[in-house]
Each structure stands twice: as C-alpha cells, then as structure tokens.
N, C-alpha and C. Protein backbone atom coordinates (compact mmCIF):
# COMPACT_ATOMS: atom_id res chain seq x y z
N UNK A 1 18.09 -15.03 -0.24
CA UNK A 1 18.49 -14.66 -1.58
C UNK A 1 18.57 -13.13 -1.67
N UNK A 2 19.65 -12.65 -2.18
CA UNK A 2 19.80 -11.21 -2.32
C UNK A 2 19.71 -10.82 -3.78
N UNK A 3 19.26 -9.64 -4.01
CA UNK A 3 19.14 -9.12 -5.37
C UNK A 3 20.42 -8.42 -5.76
N UNK A 4 20.80 -8.57 -6.99
CA UNK A 4 21.95 -7.83 -7.47
C UNK A 4 21.55 -6.37 -7.64
N UNK A 5 22.55 -5.50 -7.75
CA UNK A 5 22.28 -4.08 -7.93
C UNK A 5 21.42 -3.80 -9.16
N UNK A 6 21.60 -4.58 -10.21
CA UNK A 6 20.91 -4.33 -11.46
C UNK A 6 19.56 -5.04 -11.56
N UNK A 7 19.24 -5.88 -10.60
CA UNK A 7 17.96 -6.60 -10.66
C UNK A 7 16.82 -5.62 -10.41
N UNK A 8 15.82 -5.68 -11.27
CA UNK A 8 14.67 -4.78 -11.14
C UNK A 8 13.53 -5.55 -10.49
N UNK A 9 12.99 -5.01 -9.42
CA UNK A 9 11.85 -5.68 -8.79
C UNK A 9 10.60 -5.39 -9.62
N UNK A 10 9.73 -6.37 -9.70
CA UNK A 10 8.49 -6.20 -10.45
C UNK A 10 7.53 -5.36 -9.62
N UNK A 11 6.95 -4.38 -10.26
CA UNK A 11 6.04 -3.44 -9.61
C UNK A 11 4.63 -3.71 -10.10
N UNK A 12 3.67 -3.60 -9.20
CA UNK A 12 2.27 -3.70 -9.58
C UNK A 12 1.76 -2.30 -9.88
N UNK A 13 1.20 -2.13 -11.05
CA UNK A 13 0.64 -0.84 -11.45
C UNK A 13 -0.88 -1.00 -11.49
N UNK A 14 -1.57 -0.15 -10.77
CA UNK A 14 -3.04 -0.21 -10.71
C UNK A 14 -3.60 0.98 -11.49
N UNK A 15 -4.42 0.68 -12.48
CA UNK A 15 -5.06 1.70 -13.29
C UNK A 15 -6.56 1.61 -13.04
N UNK A 16 -7.17 2.72 -12.66
CA UNK A 16 -8.61 2.74 -12.39
C UNK A 16 -9.23 3.84 -13.25
N UNK A 17 -10.26 3.46 -14.00
CA UNK A 17 -11.00 4.41 -14.83
C UNK A 17 -12.32 4.73 -14.13
N UNK A 18 -12.60 6.02 -13.99
CA UNK A 18 -13.82 6.46 -13.32
C UNK A 18 -14.54 7.48 -14.18
N UNK A 19 -15.84 7.31 -14.33
CA UNK A 19 -16.67 8.22 -15.12
C UNK A 19 -17.69 8.83 -14.16
N UNK A 20 -17.55 10.13 -13.91
CA UNK A 20 -18.39 10.82 -12.92
C UNK A 20 -19.49 11.64 -13.57
N UNK A 21 -20.48 11.98 -12.76
CA UNK A 21 -21.47 12.96 -13.19
C UNK A 21 -20.74 14.30 -13.34
N UNK A 22 -21.11 15.10 -14.32
CA UNK A 22 -20.42 16.38 -14.51
C UNK A 22 -20.41 17.27 -13.26
N UNK A 23 -21.46 17.22 -12.49
CA UNK A 23 -21.54 18.07 -11.29
C UNK A 23 -20.55 17.67 -10.19
N UNK A 24 -19.94 16.48 -10.29
CA UNK A 24 -19.01 16.01 -9.26
C UNK A 24 -17.54 16.24 -9.63
N UNK A 25 -17.27 16.64 -10.85
CA UNK A 25 -15.90 16.75 -11.33
C UNK A 25 -15.04 17.66 -10.45
N UNK A 26 -15.48 18.86 -10.19
CA UNK A 26 -14.69 19.80 -9.39
C UNK A 26 -14.48 19.27 -7.97
N UNK A 27 -15.54 18.71 -7.39
CA UNK A 27 -15.43 18.15 -6.03
C UNK A 27 -14.45 16.98 -5.99
N UNK A 28 -14.48 16.15 -7.03
CA UNK A 28 -13.56 15.01 -7.07
C UNK A 28 -12.11 15.48 -7.11
N UNK A 29 -11.82 16.49 -7.90
CA UNK A 29 -10.46 17.00 -7.97
C UNK A 29 -9.97 17.48 -6.60
N UNK A 30 -10.84 18.20 -5.89
CA UNK A 30 -10.49 18.68 -4.55
C UNK A 30 -10.26 17.49 -3.61
N UNK A 31 -11.17 16.52 -3.65
CA UNK A 31 -11.04 15.34 -2.79
C UNK A 31 -9.75 14.58 -3.08
N UNK A 32 -9.47 14.35 -4.36
CA UNK A 32 -8.25 13.63 -4.71
C UNK A 32 -7.01 14.35 -4.21
N UNK A 33 -6.97 15.67 -4.38
CA UNK A 33 -5.81 16.43 -3.93
C UNK A 33 -5.64 16.38 -2.41
N UNK A 34 -6.74 16.21 -1.69
CA UNK A 34 -6.67 16.09 -0.22
C UNK A 34 -6.08 14.75 0.20
N UNK A 35 -6.37 13.68 -0.55
CA UNK A 35 -5.93 12.33 -0.13
C UNK A 35 -4.69 11.83 -0.87
N UNK A 36 -4.27 12.54 -1.90
CA UNK A 36 -3.15 12.07 -2.72
C UNK A 36 -1.90 11.77 -1.89
N UNK A 37 -1.51 12.67 -1.02
CA UNK A 37 -0.30 12.45 -0.23
C UNK A 37 -0.48 11.29 0.74
N UNK A 38 -1.69 11.10 1.26
CA UNK A 38 -1.94 9.97 2.16
C UNK A 38 -1.84 8.64 1.40
N UNK A 39 -2.36 8.61 0.19
CA UNK A 39 -2.25 7.40 -0.62
C UNK A 39 -0.79 7.14 -0.95
N UNK A 40 -0.09 8.16 -1.41
CA UNK A 40 1.32 8.01 -1.80
C UNK A 40 2.20 7.55 -0.64
N UNK A 41 1.85 7.94 0.58
CA UNK A 41 2.66 7.55 1.73
C UNK A 41 2.17 6.26 2.39
N UNK A 42 1.12 5.65 1.81
CA UNK A 42 0.61 4.39 2.34
C UNK A 42 1.69 3.32 2.14
N UNK A 43 1.84 2.44 3.12
CA UNK A 43 2.88 1.40 3.05
C UNK A 43 2.76 0.60 1.76
N UNK A 44 3.85 0.54 1.01
CA UNK A 44 3.88 -0.23 -0.22
C UNK A 44 3.51 0.56 -1.46
N UNK A 45 3.07 1.81 -1.29
CA UNK A 45 2.72 2.64 -2.45
C UNK A 45 3.92 3.48 -2.85
N UNK A 46 4.23 3.45 -4.13
CA UNK A 46 5.36 4.22 -4.65
C UNK A 46 4.90 5.40 -5.50
N UNK A 47 3.66 5.84 -5.27
CA UNK A 47 3.16 7.02 -5.96
C UNK A 47 1.82 6.79 -6.62
N UNK A 48 1.09 7.88 -6.76
CA UNK A 48 -0.22 7.85 -7.41
C UNK A 48 -0.38 9.14 -8.20
N UNK A 49 -1.04 9.03 -9.35
CA UNK A 49 -1.31 10.23 -10.14
C UNK A 49 -2.73 10.17 -10.68
N UNK A 50 -3.25 11.34 -10.96
CA UNK A 50 -4.59 11.49 -11.49
C UNK A 50 -4.49 12.06 -12.89
N UNK A 51 -5.20 11.45 -13.83
CA UNK A 51 -5.25 11.92 -15.21
C UNK A 51 -6.71 12.17 -15.58
N UNK A 52 -6.94 13.23 -16.33
CA UNK A 52 -8.28 13.58 -16.78
C UNK A 52 -8.33 13.47 -18.29
N UNK A 53 -9.41 12.87 -18.79
CA UNK A 53 -9.57 12.70 -20.23
C UNK A 53 -9.52 14.05 -20.93
N UNK A 54 -8.87 14.09 -22.08
CA UNK A 54 -8.67 15.36 -22.80
C UNK A 54 -9.98 15.99 -23.27
N UNK A 55 -10.90 15.19 -23.82
CA UNK A 55 -12.12 15.76 -24.40
C UNK A 55 -13.39 15.40 -23.63
N UNK A 56 -13.28 14.49 -22.67
CA UNK A 56 -14.41 14.12 -21.83
C UNK A 56 -14.02 14.36 -20.37
N UNK A 57 -14.17 15.58 -19.88
CA UNK A 57 -13.62 15.96 -18.58
C UNK A 57 -14.24 15.23 -17.38
N UNK A 58 -15.29 14.48 -17.58
CA UNK A 58 -15.88 13.72 -16.48
C UNK A 58 -15.25 12.33 -16.33
N UNK A 59 -14.28 12.00 -17.19
CA UNK A 59 -13.58 10.71 -17.12
C UNK A 59 -12.18 10.93 -16.57
N UNK A 60 -11.86 10.15 -15.53
CA UNK A 60 -10.56 10.23 -14.88
C UNK A 60 -9.94 8.84 -14.81
N UNK A 61 -8.62 8.83 -14.72
CA UNK A 61 -7.87 7.62 -14.46
C UNK A 61 -6.94 7.90 -13.30
N UNK A 62 -6.81 6.94 -12.41
CA UNK A 62 -5.74 7.01 -11.42
C UNK A 62 -4.75 5.90 -11.78
N UNK A 63 -3.50 6.21 -11.62
CA UNK A 63 -2.44 5.23 -11.83
C UNK A 63 -1.61 5.23 -10.56
N UNK A 64 -1.55 4.08 -9.91
CA UNK A 64 -0.77 3.97 -8.68
C UNK A 64 0.20 2.80 -8.81
N UNK A 65 1.34 2.95 -8.17
CA UNK A 65 2.39 1.94 -8.22
C UNK A 65 2.55 1.32 -6.84
N UNK A 66 2.52 0.00 -6.82
CA UNK A 66 2.56 -0.75 -5.56
C UNK A 66 3.69 -1.76 -5.57
N UNK A 67 4.25 -1.99 -4.40
CA UNK A 67 5.33 -2.97 -4.28
C UNK A 67 4.82 -4.39 -4.51
N UNK A 68 3.53 -4.63 -4.20
CA UNK A 68 2.97 -5.97 -4.38
C UNK A 68 1.44 -5.90 -4.36
N UNK A 69 0.82 -6.98 -4.80
CA UNK A 69 -0.64 -7.09 -4.74
C UNK A 69 -1.12 -7.05 -3.29
N UNK A 70 -0.33 -7.57 -2.38
CA UNK A 70 -0.69 -7.56 -0.96
C UNK A 70 -0.74 -6.13 -0.42
N UNK A 71 0.21 -5.31 -0.83
CA UNK A 71 0.18 -3.91 -0.39
C UNK A 71 -1.06 -3.19 -0.92
N UNK A 72 -1.38 -3.44 -2.18
CA UNK A 72 -2.58 -2.84 -2.76
C UNK A 72 -3.82 -3.30 -2.01
N UNK A 73 -3.92 -4.58 -1.72
CA UNK A 73 -5.09 -5.10 -1.02
C UNK A 73 -5.20 -4.52 0.39
N UNK A 74 -4.07 -4.35 1.05
CA UNK A 74 -4.08 -3.74 2.38
C UNK A 74 -4.65 -2.32 2.29
N UNK A 75 -4.24 -1.58 1.28
CA UNK A 75 -4.78 -0.23 1.07
C UNK A 75 -6.28 -0.29 0.80
N UNK A 76 -6.72 -1.22 -0.05
CA UNK A 76 -8.13 -1.31 -0.45
C UNK A 76 -9.04 -1.68 0.73
N UNK A 77 -8.48 -2.23 1.79
CA UNK A 77 -9.28 -2.56 2.98
C UNK A 77 -9.06 -1.53 4.10
N UNK A 78 -8.31 -0.48 3.81
CA UNK A 78 -8.01 0.53 4.83
C UNK A 78 -9.16 1.50 5.01
N UNK A 79 -9.13 2.21 6.12
CA UNK A 79 -10.13 3.24 6.40
C UNK A 79 -10.04 4.38 5.38
N UNK A 80 -8.82 4.73 4.98
CA UNK A 80 -8.63 5.79 3.99
C UNK A 80 -9.37 5.45 2.70
N UNK A 81 -9.19 4.24 2.19
CA UNK A 81 -9.84 3.86 0.94
C UNK A 81 -11.35 3.79 1.11
N UNK A 82 -11.83 3.10 2.15
CA UNK A 82 -13.29 2.91 2.30
C UNK A 82 -14.01 4.24 2.51
N UNK A 83 -13.40 5.15 3.24
CA UNK A 83 -14.00 6.47 3.47
C UNK A 83 -14.04 7.28 2.17
N UNK A 84 -12.94 7.28 1.44
CA UNK A 84 -12.87 8.01 0.18
C UNK A 84 -13.81 7.41 -0.85
N UNK A 85 -13.80 6.09 -0.97
CA UNK A 85 -14.65 5.40 -1.95
C UNK A 85 -16.13 5.65 -1.67
N UNK A 86 -16.50 5.75 -0.40
CA UNK A 86 -17.90 6.02 -0.04
C UNK A 86 -18.35 7.39 -0.54
N UNK A 87 -17.44 8.34 -0.64
CA UNK A 87 -17.78 9.68 -1.16
C UNK A 87 -17.82 9.69 -2.69
N UNK A 88 -16.98 8.87 -3.30
CA UNK A 88 -16.81 8.87 -4.75
C UNK A 88 -17.85 8.00 -5.46
N UNK A 89 -18.07 6.82 -4.97
CA UNK A 89 -18.89 5.81 -5.66
C UNK A 89 -20.30 6.29 -6.04
N UNK A 90 -21.01 7.00 -5.19
CA UNK A 90 -22.37 7.43 -5.58
C UNK A 90 -22.41 8.40 -6.77
N UNK A 91 -21.27 8.91 -7.17
CA UNK A 91 -21.21 9.90 -8.24
C UNK A 91 -20.76 9.33 -9.58
N UNK A 92 -20.68 8.01 -9.67
CA UNK A 92 -20.30 7.38 -10.93
C UNK A 92 -21.46 7.37 -11.91
N UNK A 93 -21.16 7.62 -13.18
CA UNK A 93 -22.13 7.46 -14.26
C UNK A 93 -22.19 5.98 -14.62
N UNK A 94 -21.03 5.33 -14.58
CA UNK A 94 -20.93 3.89 -14.84
C UNK A 94 -19.93 3.30 -13.86
N UNK A 95 -20.01 2.00 -13.71
CA UNK A 95 -19.14 1.30 -12.76
C UNK A 95 -17.67 1.56 -13.09
N UNK A 96 -16.87 1.78 -12.07
CA UNK A 96 -15.44 1.98 -12.26
C UNK A 96 -14.82 0.70 -12.83
N UNK A 97 -13.80 0.90 -13.64
CA UNK A 97 -13.06 -0.23 -14.20
C UNK A 97 -11.65 -0.17 -13.64
N UNK A 98 -11.07 -1.33 -13.32
CA UNK A 98 -9.73 -1.34 -12.74
C UNK A 98 -8.92 -2.50 -13.31
N UNK A 99 -7.63 -2.22 -13.48
CA UNK A 99 -6.69 -3.22 -13.97
C UNK A 99 -5.47 -3.20 -13.07
N UNK A 100 -4.97 -4.39 -12.74
CA UNK A 100 -3.70 -4.52 -12.05
C UNK A 100 -2.71 -5.10 -13.06
N UNK A 101 -1.63 -4.38 -13.28
CA UNK A 101 -0.67 -4.73 -14.33
C UNK A 101 0.72 -4.89 -13.72
N UNK A 102 1.47 -5.80 -14.25
CA UNK A 102 2.84 -5.99 -13.78
C UNK A 102 3.79 -5.22 -14.67
N UNK A 103 4.60 -4.39 -14.03
CA UNK A 103 5.61 -3.64 -14.77
C UNK A 103 6.73 -4.60 -15.12
N UNK A 104 7.16 -4.56 -16.34
CA UNK A 104 8.21 -5.48 -16.81
C UNK A 104 9.51 -4.76 -17.05
C-alpha cells in the first residue's frame, strides 16, 4: 500500500515533565545540550526540544517526535538513554511524568 502525497503519517509525540533540585538546573542544561543532537539523530526521531517553566526554573519539559512507539522504545533501551537517565534521575525532586501522544 502506498501513501498519497497528501496523506499525513501519524507521529508519536513524547512529552516528559521533570522537576529537578535547584542545584542541578545548570548542569542539566549543559547535559541536555550535549546529547540533544544525538537524540535528534537517533533512528526514528524527528526532533527534540527542551522547555523550561517560566516561573519555576527547576521544572523542564522535553518534547520529542517519533515515527512510531517502536522507535521510541528502541531509544529508551539504548545506551544513550540509560547513560543519560542515570545522571538525571538522582536529581529529581519528584518522579518524572511522561505522556505519549498521537499527532492528528
């Protein structure tokens, strides 16, 4: 089956909310900027961005776009993710929250 030119493929959008200790905020920004291009170039990833809460600077959101849930899961089991998550996770004030959403 082939897609017509106008057919839009459904994209998986992953939103992750992270609340860090204030002392980790600057380090997290540096870490994210180091891995951003690696995440964006990961197979099936169509980009990732980092957003910081306007009035609570220790709260961040990442928004990443994936071709499929399988691509996201492959990333989540990769060395890049597990290594990065091991540095980030101990600095949470509260458990990270994540949503996988289908772009319509």
